[in-house]
C-alpha atoms as a PDB file:
ATOM      1  CA  MET A   1      -1.002 -65.605-137.574  1.00  0.00           C
ATOM      2  CA  SER A   2       1.188 -64.561-134.734  1.00  0.00           C
ATOM      3  CA  VAL A   3      -0.487 -62.405-131.527  1.00  0.00           C
ATOM      4  CA  LYS A   4       1.066 -59.151-132.856  1.00  0.00           C
ATOM      5  CA  GLU A   5      -0.806 -59.932-136.383  1.00  0.00           C
ATOM      6  CA  ARG A   6      -4.314 -60.319-134.891  1.00  0.00           C
ATOM      7  CA  THR A   7      -6.593 -57.539-135.099  1.00  0.00           C
ATOM      8  CA  TYR A   8      -9.922 -56.790-134.174  1.00  0.00           C
ATOM      9  CA  ALA A   9     -12.586 -54.869-136.212  1.00  0.00           C
ATOM     10  CA  GLY A  10      -9.474 -54.223-138.201  1.00  0.00           C
ATOM     11  CA  VAL A  11      -7.330 -52.719-135.463  1.00  0.00           C
ATOM     12  CA  THR A  12      -4.209 -55.129-134.369  1.00  0.00           C
ATOM     13  CA  LEU A  13      -4.061 -56.230-130.053  1.00  0.00           C
ATOM     14  CA  ASN A  14      -0.937 -54.058-129.425  1.00  0.00           C
ATOM     15  CA  ALA A  15      -2.830 -50.601-130.661  1.00  0.00           C
ATOM     16  CA  ARG A  16      -5.869 -52.012-128.609  1.00  0.00           C
ATOM     17  CA  ARG A  17      -3.742 -52.365-125.925  1.00  0.00           C
ATOM     18  CA  GLU A  18      -1.983 -49.095-126.218  1.00  0.00           C
ATOM     19  CA  GLU A  19      -5.343 -47.356-126.979  1.00  0.00           C
ATOM     20  CA  ARG A  20      -6.402 -48.587-123.475  1.00  0.00           C
ATOM     21  CA  ARG A  21      -3.155 -47.616-121.703  1.00  0.00           C
ATOM     22  CA  ILE A  22      -4.061 -43.867-123.213  1.00  0.00           C
ATOM     23  CA  ARG A  23      -7.497 -44.360-121.819  1.00  0.00           C
ATOM     24  CA  PHE A  24      -6.200 -45.145-118.202  1.00  0.00           C
ATOM     25  CA  LEU A  25      -3.703 -42.470-118.091  1.00  0.00           C
ATOM     26  CA  ASP A  26      -6.347 -39.980-119.319  1.00  0.00           C
ATOM     27  CA  ALA A  27      -8.245 -41.727-116.122  1.00  0.00           C
ATOM     28  CA  GLY A  28      -5.714 -41.370-114.100  1.00  0.00           C
ATOM     29  CA  LEU A  29      -4.726 -37.562-114.428  1.00  0.00           C
ATOM     30  CA  ALA A  30      -8.831 -36.938-114.035  1.00  0.00           C
ATOM     31  CA  VAL A  31      -9.262 -39.071-110.708  1.00  0.00           C
ATOM     32  CA  PHE A  32      -5.802 -38.170-109.372  1.00  0.00           C
ATOM     33  CA  GLY A  33      -6.050 -34.186-110.221  1.00  0.00           C
ATOM     34  CA  ASP A  34      -9.639 -33.894-108.948  1.00  0.00           C
ATOM     35  CA  HIS A  35      -9.988 -36.763-105.763  1.00  0.00           C
ATOM     36  CA  GLY A  36      -6.770 -36.808-104.944  1.00  0.00           C
ATOM     37  CA  TYR A  37      -4.667 -40.642-105.492  1.00  0.00           C
ATOM     38  CA  ARG A  38      -5.703 -41.476-101.711  1.00  0.00           C
ATOM     39  CA  ASP A  39      -8.879 -41.598-102.484  1.00  0.00           C
ATOM     40  CA  THR A  40      -9.018 -42.925-105.389  1.00  0.00           C
ATOM     41  CA  SER A  41      -9.707 -46.977-106.011  1.00  0.00           C
ATOM     42  CA  VAL A  42      -9.044 -49.061-109.084  1.00  0.00           C
ATOM     43  CA  SER A  43     -12.834 -49.302-109.323  1.00  0.00           C
ATOM     44  CA  ALA A  44     -13.304 -45.644-109.969  1.00  0.00           C
ATOM     45  CA  ILE A  45      -9.895 -44.785-112.506  1.00  0.00           C
ATOM     46  CA  CYS A  46     -11.811 -47.968-114.212  1.00  0.00           C
ATOM     47  CA  THR A  47     -15.367 -46.044-114.645  1.00  0.00           C
ATOM     48  CA  ALA A  48     -13.859 -42.852-115.721  1.00  0.00           C
ATOM     49  CA  ALA A  49     -11.681 -44.567-118.306  1.00  0.00           C
ATOM     50  CA  ASN A  50     -15.087 -47.192-118.942  1.00  0.00           C
ATOM     51  CA  LEU A  51     -12.352 -50.200-119.093  1.00  0.00           C
ATOM     52  CA  ALA A  52     -12.560 -53.195-117.242  1.00  0.00           C
ATOM     53  CA  ARG A  53     -10.689 -54.287-114.533  1.00  0.00           C
ATOM     54  CA  ALA A  54      -9.218 -57.218-116.021  1.00  0.00           C
ATOM     55  CA  HIS A  55      -8.298 -54.514-118.421  1.00  0.00           C
ATOM     56  CA  PHE A  56      -6.494 -52.362-115.991  1.00  0.00           C
ATOM     57  CA  TYR A  57      -4.236 -54.994-114.453  1.00  0.00           C
ATOM     58  CA  GLU A  58      -2.936 -55.932-117.702  1.00  0.00           C
ATOM     59  CA  GLN A  59      -1.513 -52.488-118.119  1.00  0.00           C
ATOM     60  CA  PHE A  60      -0.521 -51.935-114.445  1.00  0.00           C
ATOM     61  CA  GLY A  61       0.681 -53.681-111.304  1.00  0.00           C
ATOM     62  CA  ASP A  62      -1.366 -50.981-108.972  1.00  0.00           C
ATOM     63  CA  ARG A  63      -2.599 -47.587-108.764  1.00  0.00           C
ATOM     64  CA  GLU A  64       0.934 -46.452-107.894  1.00  0.00           C
ATOM     65  CA  GLU A  65       2.311 -48.137-110.760  1.00  0.00           C
ATOM     66  CA  LEU A  66      -0.260 -46.155-112.927  1.00  0.00           C
ATOM     67  CA  LEU A  67       0.557 -42.611-110.963  1.00  0.00           C
ATOM     68  CA  LEU A  68       3.829 -43.042-112.179  1.00  0.00           C
ATOM     69  CA  ALA A  69       3.051 -43.377-115.569  1.00  0.00           C
ATOM     70  CA  VAL A  70       0.515 -40.390-115.764  1.00  0.00           C
ATOM     71  CA  TYR A  71       3.511 -38.256-113.659  1.00  0.00           C
ATOM     72  CA  ASP A  72       5.915 -39.298-115.977  1.00  0.00           C
ATOM     73  CA  ARG A  73       3.894 -38.290-119.485  1.00  0.00           C
ATOM     74  CA  ILE A  74       3.334 -35.063-117.386  1.00  0.00           C
ATOM     75  CA  GLN A  75       7.417 -34.642-116.853  1.00  0.00           C
ATOM     76  CA  GLU A  76       8.376 -35.600-120.301  1.00  0.00           C
ATOM     77  CA  GLN A  77       5.296 -33.420-122.135  1.00  0.00           C
ATOM     78  CA  SER A  78       6.829 -30.676-120.277  1.00  0.00           C
ATOM     79  CA  ARG A  79      10.056 -31.446-121.115  1.00  0.00           C
ATOM     80  CA  VAL A  80       9.234 -31.423-124.845  1.00  0.00           C
ATOM     81  CA  ALA A  81       6.989 -28.146-124.224  1.00  0.00           C
ATOM     82  CA  VAL A  82      10.590 -26.248-123.084  1.00  0.00           C
ATOM     83  CA  ILE A  83      12.887 -27.462-125.612  1.00  0.00           C
ATOM     84  CA  GLU A  84      10.785 -27.297-128.284  1.00  0.00           C
ATOM     85  CA  ALA A  85      10.345 -23.233-127.114  1.00  0.00           C
ATOM     86  CA  LEU A  86      14.096 -22.735-126.320  1.00  0.00           C
ATOM     87  CA  ALA A  87      14.634 -23.719-129.915  1.00  0.00           C
ATOM     88  CA  ASN A  88      12.349 -21.574-130.959  1.00  0.00           C
ATOM     89  CA  HIS A  89      14.497 -18.317-129.278  1.00  0.00           C
ATOM     90  CA  GLN A  90      17.865 -19.031-130.668  1.00  0.00           C
ATOM     91  CA  SER A  91      18.842 -15.633-129.401  1.00  0.00           C
ATOM     92  CA  ASP A  92      21.722 -13.931-127.378  1.00  0.00           C
ATOM     93  CA  ASP A  93      19.338 -12.928-124.804  1.00  0.00           C
ATOM     94  CA  ILE A  94      19.825 -15.040-121.616  1.00  0.00           C
ATOM     95  CA  ALA A  95      16.689 -13.054-120.167  1.00  0.00           C
ATOM     96  CA  ALA A  96      14.355 -13.992-123.367  1.00  0.00           C
ATOM     97  CA  ARG A  97      15.127 -17.640-123.639  1.00  0.00           C
ATOM     98  CA  THR A  98      14.978 -18.284-120.259  1.00  0.00           C
ATOM     99  CA  ARG A  99      12.065 -16.726-120.221  1.00  0.00           C
ATOM    100  CA  ALA A 100      10.565 -19.035-122.865  1.00  0.00           C
ATOM    101  CA  GLY A 101      11.623 -21.771-121.250  1.00  0.00           C
ATOM    102  CA  LEU A 102       9.826 -20.713-117.603  1.00  0.00           C
ATOM    103  CA  GLN A 103       6.273 -20.098-119.452  1.00  0.00           C
ATOM    104  CA  ALA A 104       6.966 -22.803-121.511  1.00  0.00           C
ATOM    105  CA  TYR A 105       6.488 -25.237-118.875  1.00  0.00           C
ATOM    106  CA  ALA A 106       4.315 -23.089-116.599  1.00  0.00           C
ATOM    107  CA  ARG A 107       2.377 -23.497-119.053  1.00  0.00           C
ATOM    108  CA  SER A 108       2.337 -26.919-120.206  1.00  0.00           C
ATOM    109  CA  ILE A 109       1.512 -28.056-116.338  1.00  0.00           C
ATOM    110  CA  GLY A 110       0.072 -25.223-114.941  1.00  0.00           C
ATOM    111  CA  GLU A 111      -2.891 -24.121-117.167  1.00  0.00           C
ATOM    112  CA  ASP A 112      -4.229 -27.742-116.242  1.00  0.00           C
ATOM    113  CA  PRO A 113      -5.126 -27.939-112.202  1.00  0.00           C
ATOM    114  CA  ARG A 114      -5.130 -31.617-112.260  1.00  0.00           C
ATOM    115  CA  ARG A 115      -1.879 -31.316-113.782  1.00  0.00           C
ATOM    116  CA  ALA A 116      -0.192 -29.663-111.265  1.00  0.00           C
ATOM    117  CA  ALA A 117      -2.086 -31.442-108.266  1.00  0.00           C
ATOM    118  CA  VAL A 118      -0.180 -34.692-109.977  1.00  0.00           C
ATOM    119  CA  SER A 119       3.362 -33.026-110.525  1.00  0.00           C
ATOM    120  CA  PHE A 120       3.279 -31.147-107.200  1.00  0.00           C
ATOM    121  CA  VAL A 121       1.016 -32.333-104.382  1.00  0.00           C
ATOM    122  CA  GLU A 122      -0.202 -36.122-105.419  1.00  0.00           C
ATOM    123  CA  ILE A 123       3.094 -37.426-106.200  1.00  0.00           C
ATOM    124  CA  VAL A 124       4.738 -36.585-103.028  1.00  0.00           C
ATOM    125  CA  GLY A 125       4.877 -39.060-100.106  1.00  0.00           C
ATOM    126  CA  VAL A 126       3.069 -41.860-101.598  1.00  0.00           C
ATOM    127  CA  SER A 127       5.828 -44.658-100.549  1.00  0.00           C
ATOM    128  CA  ALA A 128       9.817 -45.024-100.720  1.00  0.00           C
ATOM    129  CA  ALA A 129       9.927 -45.781-104.141  1.00  0.00           C
ATOM    130  CA  VAL A 130       7.643 -43.632-105.717  1.00  0.00           C
ATOM    131  CA  GLU A 131       9.550 -40.749-103.817  1.00  0.00           C
ATOM    132  CA  LYS A 132      13.023 -42.190-105.502  1.00  0.00           C
ATOM    133  CA  HIS A 133      11.592 -41.660-108.514  1.00  0.00           C
ATOM    134  CA  ARG A 134      10.346 -38.152-107.940  1.00  0.00           C
ATOM    135  CA  LEU A 135      13.881 -36.854-107.054  1.00  0.00           C
ATOM    136  CA  ASP A 136      15.476 -38.958-109.922  1.00  0.00           C
ATOM    137  CA  GLN A 137      13.083 -36.960-111.968  1.00  0.00           C
ATOM    138  CA  ARG A 138      13.931 -33.976-110.513  1.00  0.00           C
ATOM    139  CA  ASP A 139      17.845 -34.391-110.459  1.00  0.00           C
ATOM    140  CA  GLN A 140      17.154 -34.724-114.536  1.00  0.00           C
ATOM    141  CA  TRP A 141      15.619 -31.666-114.466  1.00  0.00           C
ATOM    142  CA  ARG A 142      18.834 -30.173-112.564  1.00  0.00           C
ATOM    143  CA  SER A 143      21.072 -31.330-115.427  1.00  0.00           C
ATOM    144  CA  PHE A 144      18.798 -30.080-118.000  1.00  0.00           C
ATOM    145  CA  ILE A 145      18.823 -26.428-116.091  1.00  0.00           C
ATOM    146  CA  ARG A 146      22.760 -26.597-115.676  1.00  0.00           C
ATOM    147  CA  VAL A 147      23.259 -27.952-119.572  1.00  0.00           C
ATOM    148  CA  GLU A 148      21.131 -24.545-120.751  1.00  0.00           C
ATOM    149  CA  MET A 149      22.619 -22.246-118.329  1.00  0.00           C
ATOM    150  CA  THR A 150      26.018 -23.224-119.449  1.00  0.00           C
ATOM    151  CA  ARG A 151      25.612 -22.217-123.028  1.00  0.00           C
ATOM    152  CA  TYR A 152      25.546 -18.959-121.423  1.00  0.00           C
ATOM    153  CA  LEU A 153      27.604 -18.709-118.788  1.00  0.00           C
ATOM    154  CA  GLY A 154      30.505 -21.317-120.091  1.00  0.00           C
ATOM    155  CA  ASP A 155      31.488 -25.006-118.831  1.00  0.00           C
ATOM    156  CA  ASP A 156      33.823 -23.247-116.017  1.00  0.00           C
ATOM    157  CA  TYR A 157      30.934 -21.238-114.376  1.00  0.00           C
ATOM    158  CA  GLU A 158      29.670 -22.080-110.630  1.00  0.00           C
ATOM    159  CA  PRO A 159      27.513 -20.321-109.396  1.00  0.00           C
ATOM    160  CA  PRO A 160      26.740 -18.602-105.990  1.00  0.00           C
ATOM    161  CA  GLY A 161      26.754 -21.925-103.517  1.00  0.00           C
ATOM    162  CA  GLY A 162      26.991 -23.718-106.536  1.00  0.00           C
ATOM    163  CA  TRP A 163      24.623 -25.333-108.704  1.00  0.00           C
ATOM    164  CA  ALA A 164      23.403 -27.819-106.685  1.00  0.00           C
ATOM    165  CA  VAL A 165      21.974 -25.154-104.579  1.00  0.00           C
ATOM    166  CA  ALA A 166      20.850 -23.091-108.010  1.00  0.00           C
ATOM    167  CA  THR A 167      18.994 -25.766-109.021  1.00  0.00           C
ATOM    168  CA  THR A 168      17.286 -26.705-106.248  1.00  0.00           C
ATOM    169  CA  ALA A 169      16.481 -23.375-105.662  1.00  0.00           C
ATOM    170  CA  LEU A 170      14.943 -22.843-108.955  1.00  0.00           C
ATOM    171  CA  ILE A 171      12.712 -25.551-109.230  1.00  0.00           C
ATOM    172  CA  GLY A 172      11.233 -24.992-105.540  1.00  0.00           C
ATOM    173  CA  ALA A 173      10.394 -21.555-106.727  1.00  0.00           C
ATOM    174  CA  LEU A 174       8.675 -24.059-109.991  1.00  0.00           C
ATOM    175  CA  MET A 175       6.737 -25.957-107.835  1.00  0.00           C
ATOM    176  CA  ALA A 176       5.326 -23.481-105.374  1.00  0.00           C
ATOM    177  CA  LEU A 177       4.596 -20.771-107.672  1.00  0.00           C
ATOM    178  CA  VAL A 178       3.682 -22.774-110.979  1.00  0.00           C
ATOM    179  CA  GLU A 179       1.471 -24.859-108.050  1.00  0.00           C
ATOM    180  CA  GLN A 180      -0.013 -21.989-106.529  1.00  0.00           C
ATOM    181  CA  TRP A 181      -0.818 -20.208-110.089  1.00  0.00           C
ATOM    182  CA  ALA A 182      -2.711 -23.319-111.201  1.00  0.00           C
ATOM    183  CA  THR A 183      -4.454 -24.728-108.061  1.00  0.00           C
ATOM    184  CA  THR A 184      -5.569 -21.226-106.546  1.00  0.00           C
ATOM    185  CA  LYS A 185      -8.501 -19.353-108.204  1.00  0.00           C
ATOM    186  CA  ARG A 186      -7.386 -15.669-106.767  1.00  0.00           C
ATOM    187  CA  ALA A 187      -3.623 -17.026-108.012  1.00  0.00           C
ATOM    188  CA  ARG A 188      -5.177 -17.960-111.188  1.00  0.00           C
ATOM    189  CA  GLN A 189      -6.483 -14.271-112.210  1.00  0.00           C
ATOM    190  CA  ARG A 190      -2.836 -13.298-112.235  1.00  0.00           C
ATOM    191  CA  ARG A 191      -1.323 -13.560-115.865  1.00  0.00           C
ATOM    192  CA  LEU A 192       0.704 -16.075-117.298  1.00  0.00           C
ATOM    193  CA  GLU A 193       3.074 -12.941-118.180  1.00  0.00           C
ATOM    194  CA  ASP A 194       3.422 -11.706-115.188  1.00  0.00           C
ATOM    195  CA  LEU A 195       4.227 -15.089-113.450  1.00  0.00           C
ATOM    196  CA  THR A 196       7.072 -16.092-116.000  1.00  0.00           C
ATOM    197  CA  GLU A 197       9.072 -12.649-115.150  1.00  0.00           C
ATOM    198  CA  VAL A 198       8.461 -12.991-111.632  1.00  0.00           C
ATOM    199  CA  LEU A 199      10.184 -17.111-112.262  1.00  0.00           C
ATOM    200  CA  THR A 200      12.926 -14.774-115.107  1.00  0.00           C
ATOM    201  CA  ARG A 201      14.302 -12.776-112.792  1.00  0.00           C
ATOM    202  CA  PHE A 202      14.636 -15.215-109.799  1.00  0.00           C
ATOM    203  CA  THR A 203      16.285 -17.407-112.331  1.00  0.00           C
ATOM    204  CA  LEU A 204      18.969 -15.041-113.521  1.00  0.00           C
ATOM    205  CA  SER A 205      19.302 -13.253-109.726  1.00  0.00           C
ATOM    206  CA  LEU A 206      20.224 -17.336-109.202  1.00  0.00           C
ATOM    207  CA  PHE A 207      23.507 -17.647-111.793  1.00  0.00           C
END
């Protein structure tokens, strides 16, 4: 019987490894989001996951690798949320469609302050490799925004200052406002709809 086919209590080894990976991702979000990446040890992660250190190193080379995996999962989940929101808003109204996408993004990342902390604070400046990865993710969002906006504005459209300037400005505003809304008690008192309206007006002013 191959390793892939082996089971323990009716569960394959691969399935158990995947379960442990998810537990480490959940634990990473919790401890990085609550206590900060720099103040979190592998032991603290293992305690939060209720798994052994050997299991951690079976999945990840170090804390940095886990941080990237947690960050990537948040980015992918938020991207899926935006895509689904846009798919449900097949409208010729660019403002309505923009509002739907922005609200989906803000909700996906901002409703859990830990997700915002990892996405906008803990991931920054960890190392050259992590910084490159973060900027690569940002470039993917910039490309995504350009594709969505050209659906309405046309392939030949060029926003004031160019696409690089416009998309960078939008991403900067998104990061600052969603992070503030998610992590500041006073800002949390504002409705998500109000935050989305500000972001929508700003977005349309850029393009």
